[in-house]
């Protein structure tokens, strides 16, 4: 199993963006751009693992992001996890074995999560791996060198029921911001690399 750095909880390097912020897309693109510039070289394999399932509204954030990226003909990252082919608890290990076949891949993990009522609606970008399924007491391997999470509802009680009854509206808004932000950041990175090569 590929080893990922542990999640940095409450790290000052973590960025929180509210889905209703009018500048949410721009803020996300800036924060994500900073992360990939810091961690990427042009030749390093790049993978996004979008975790979740289309069988639960609250847990569909990852697959929605993956499907949105493929609809834009996104090629910067290899995308794992879509509405058609989701990455979830029962097949996560299989996908991680595929990731392990790449040489020194840079992995971004995306997942929905539950949190306090004050944090619902926030998208978080941070360094280190996320622990899929932690909110519903599933013990799954950590994933990602950086993580993106969307807090879709309140946790702490009847988590499965809460995820099933999460409003699709908030999940769709988050998925749109995350997928567009990733795509725009990727284009900027490619343009920067092109400019560097041109100058050289």
Protein backbone atom coordinates (compact mmCIF):
# COMPACT_ATOMS: atom_id res chain seq x y z
CA UNK A 1 0.00 0.00 0.00
CA UNK A 2 1.29 3.43 -0.91
CA UNK A 3 2.28 5.49 2.10
CA UNK A 4 1.01 9.04 2.31
CA UNK A 5 1.93 11.78 4.80
CA UNK A 6 -0.52 12.06 7.64
CA UNK A 7 -3.16 14.77 7.52
CA UNK A 8 -2.11 18.03 9.08
CA UNK A 9 -5.05 18.91 11.28
CA UNK A 10 -5.51 22.61 12.05
CA UNK A 11 -2.44 23.36 9.98
CA UNK A 12 -1.95 27.03 9.12
CA UNK A 13 -1.31 25.78 5.57
CA UNK A 14 -4.91 24.59 5.32
CA UNK A 15 -7.33 26.86 3.43
CA UNK A 16 -11.07 27.09 4.10
CA UNK A 17 -13.45 28.53 1.51
CA UNK A 18 -17.20 28.83 1.91
CA UNK A 19 -19.28 27.62 -0.99
CA UNK A 20 -21.43 30.79 -0.92
CA UNK A 21 -18.44 33.15 -1.06
CA UNK A 22 -18.69 35.12 -4.33
CA UNK A 23 -14.93 34.70 -4.73
CA UNK A 24 -14.97 30.99 -3.88
CA UNK A 25 -13.82 29.78 -7.29
CA UNK A 26 -10.98 32.29 -7.51
CA UNK A 27 -9.86 31.59 -3.93
CA UNK A 28 -9.92 27.85 -4.56
CA UNK A 29 -7.93 28.16 -7.79
CA UNK A 30 -5.29 30.28 -6.07
CA UNK A 31 -4.96 27.91 -3.09
CA UNK A 32 -4.85 24.80 -5.27
CA UNK A 33 -2.34 26.42 -7.64
CA UNK A 34 -0.04 27.09 -4.69
CA UNK A 35 -0.20 23.45 -3.65
CA UNK A 36 0.56 21.98 -7.07
CA UNK A 37 3.37 24.46 -7.77
CA UNK A 38 4.97 23.48 -4.48
CA UNK A 39 4.65 19.74 -5.02
CA UNK A 40 4.81 19.13 -8.77
CA UNK A 41 7.46 18.79 -11.39
CA UNK A 42 6.33 18.57 -15.03
CA UNK A 43 7.26 14.89 -15.39
CA UNK A 44 5.76 13.64 -12.11
CA UNK A 45 2.62 11.47 -12.54
CA UNK A 46 -0.51 13.27 -11.32
CA UNK A 47 -3.58 11.49 -9.99
CA UNK A 48 -6.84 12.68 -8.46
CA UNK A 49 -8.77 10.12 -6.40
CA UNK A 50 -12.40 11.26 -6.06
CA UNK A 51 -13.85 9.19 -3.22
CA UNK A 52 -17.54 8.59 -2.62
CA UNK A 53 -20.65 7.00 -4.07
CA UNK A 54 -23.60 8.12 -6.17
CA UNK A 55 -25.87 6.04 -3.92
CA UNK A 56 -25.75 8.69 -1.18
CA UNK A 57 -26.42 12.37 -1.83
CA UNK A 58 -23.99 13.62 0.79
CA UNK A 59 -21.27 11.20 -0.27
CA UNK A 60 -21.51 12.01 -3.99
CA UNK A 61 -19.14 15.01 -3.92
CA UNK A 62 -16.08 13.05 -5.06
CA UNK A 63 -17.77 11.24 -7.98
CA UNK A 64 -19.40 14.49 -9.12
CA UNK A 65 -16.01 16.23 -9.21
CA UNK A 66 -14.52 13.33 -11.16
CA UNK A 67 -17.34 13.34 -13.71
CA UNK A 68 -17.18 17.13 -14.06
CA UNK A 69 -13.45 16.96 -14.77
CA UNK A 70 -13.89 14.30 -17.45
CA UNK A 71 -16.61 16.38 -19.10
CA UNK A 72 -14.08 19.20 -19.58
CA UNK A 73 -11.70 16.73 -21.30
CA UNK A 74 -9.32 17.26 -18.40
CA UNK A 75 -5.95 15.58 -18.99
CA UNK A 76 -3.64 17.23 -16.45
CA UNK A 77 -4.60 14.72 -13.74
CA UNK A 78 -5.50 11.09 -14.20
CA UNK A 79 -8.98 10.97 -12.68
CA UNK A 80 -10.11 8.03 -10.55
CA UNK A 81 -13.69 8.09 -9.28
CA UNK A 82 -16.74 9.22 -11.25
CA UNK A 83 -20.49 8.79 -11.04
CA UNK A 84 -20.19 5.90 -13.49
CA UNK A 85 -17.16 4.30 -11.82
CA UNK A 86 -17.01 5.49 -8.19
CA UNK A 87 -14.14 4.87 -5.77
CA UNK A 88 -15.60 3.80 -2.43
CA UNK A 89 -14.96 1.67 0.64
CA UNK A 90 -15.20 -1.70 -1.08
CA UNK A 91 -12.86 -0.94 -4.00
CA UNK A 92 -10.50 1.69 -2.57
CA UNK A 93 -7.70 -0.84 -2.02
CA UNK A 94 -7.92 -1.91 -5.66
CA UNK A 95 -7.53 1.66 -6.87
CA UNK A 96 -4.64 2.26 -4.47
CA UNK A 97 -2.86 -0.76 -5.94
CA UNK A 98 -3.16 0.94 -9.35
CA UNK A 99 -1.76 4.17 -7.91
CA UNK A 100 1.20 2.25 -6.49
CA UNK A 101 2.22 1.17 -9.99
CA UNK A 102 3.11 4.77 -10.89
CA UNK A 103 6.60 6.01 -10.10
CA UNK A 104 6.46 8.70 -7.40
CA UNK A 105 2.92 9.87 -8.19
CA UNK A 106 1.45 13.09 -6.78
CA UNK A 107 -1.99 12.21 -5.44
CA UNK A 108 -4.86 14.56 -4.64
CA UNK A 109 -7.69 13.02 -2.60
CA UNK A 110 -11.22 14.45 -2.66
CA UNK A 111 -14.03 13.44 -0.36
CA UNK A 112 -17.14 14.72 1.38
CA UNK A 113 -17.20 14.89 5.16
CA UNK A 114 -19.41 15.85 8.08
CA UNK A 115 -18.55 18.53 10.62
CA UNK A 116 -19.86 21.05 13.09
CA UNK A 117 -22.80 23.21 12.10
CA UNK A 118 -20.50 26.25 11.85
CA UNK A 119 -18.33 24.51 9.27
CA UNK A 120 -21.02 23.17 6.97
CA UNK A 121 -20.53 24.62 3.49
CA UNK A 122 -16.77 24.97 3.71
CA UNK A 123 -14.33 23.48 1.22
CA UNK A 124 -10.95 22.66 2.77
CA UNK A 125 -7.62 22.30 0.96
CA UNK A 126 -4.75 20.98 3.04
CA UNK A 127 -1.51 19.06 3.04
CA UNK A 128 -1.36 15.41 3.95
CA UNK A 129 -3.71 12.49 3.45
CA UNK A 130 -7.37 12.21 4.30
CA UNK A 131 -8.95 9.22 6.01
CA UNK A 132 -11.94 8.14 3.92
CA UNK A 133 -14.93 6.91 5.86
CA UNK A 134 -13.73 8.23 9.22
CA UNK A 135 -17.02 10.06 9.74
CA UNK A 136 -19.00 6.84 9.48
CA UNK A 137 -16.53 4.70 11.47
CA UNK A 138 -14.95 2.92 8.51
CA UNK A 139 -11.27 2.06 8.79
CA UNK A 140 -9.77 2.72 5.37
CA UNK A 141 -6.21 3.54 4.33
CA UNK A 142 -5.16 7.21 4.15
CA UNK A 143 -5.11 8.71 0.66
CA UNK A 144 -3.37 11.69 -0.91
CA UNK A 145 -0.40 14.00 -0.58
CA UNK A 146 -2.89 16.84 -0.39
CA UNK A 147 -6.60 16.60 0.33
CA UNK A 148 -9.75 18.48 -0.60
CA UNK A 149 -12.82 17.98 1.53
CA UNK A 150 -16.28 19.48 1.43
CA UNK A 151 -18.23 19.65 4.67
CA UNK A 152 -21.70 18.79 3.41
CA UNK A 153 -23.66 18.36 6.65
CA UNK A 154 -23.54 18.12 10.43
CA UNK A 155 -21.82 15.10 11.96
CA UNK A 156 -21.92 13.42 15.34
CA UNK A 157 -25.17 11.48 15.17
CA UNK A 158 -26.67 8.95 12.69
CA UNK A 159 -24.03 9.75 10.08
CA UNK A 160 -25.38 7.39 7.39
CA UNK A 161 -28.84 8.90 7.70
CA UNK A 162 -27.40 12.43 7.59
CA UNK A 163 -25.42 11.69 4.41
CA UNK A 164 -28.49 10.16 2.77
CA UNK A 165 -30.52 13.27 3.56
CA UNK A 166 -27.99 15.93 2.63
CA UNK A 167 -29.26 18.52 0.14
CA UNK A 168 -27.97 17.93 -3.38
CA UNK A 169 -27.76 21.70 -3.87
CA UNK A 170 -24.77 22.19 -1.56
CA UNK A 171 -22.97 19.13 -2.97
CA UNK A 172 -23.45 20.32 -6.56
CA UNK A 173 -22.18 23.81 -5.73
CA UNK A 174 -19.08 22.38 -4.07
CA UNK A 175 -18.42 19.99 -6.95
CA UNK A 176 -18.64 22.82 -9.47
CA UNK A 177 -16.20 25.03 -7.56
CA UNK A 178 -13.72 22.20 -6.95
CA UNK A 179 -13.75 20.81 -10.50
CA UNK A 180 -13.55 24.24 -12.16
CA UNK A 181 -10.85 25.33 -9.72
CA UNK A 182 -8.74 22.24 -10.39
CA UNK A 183 -9.11 22.64 -14.14
CA UNK A 184 -8.20 26.34 -14.10
CA UNK A 185 -5.22 25.73 -11.82
CA UNK A 186 -3.98 22.99 -14.13
CA UNK A 187 -4.16 25.30 -17.15
CA UNK A 188 -2.23 27.98 -15.25
CA UNK A 189 0.45 25.46 -14.27
CA UNK A 190 0.87 24.31 -17.88
CA UNK A 191 1.10 27.92 -19.06
CA UNK A 192 3.73 28.72 -16.42
CA UNK A 193 5.79 25.70 -17.49
CA UNK A 194 5.51 26.74 -21.13
CA UNK A 195 6.70 30.25 -20.29
CA UNK A 196 9.66 28.87 -18.34
CA UNK A 197 10.67 26.63 -21.25
CA UNK A 198 10.30 29.54 -23.69
CA UNK A 199 12.52 31.79 -21.57
CA UNK A 200 15.13 29.03 -21.19
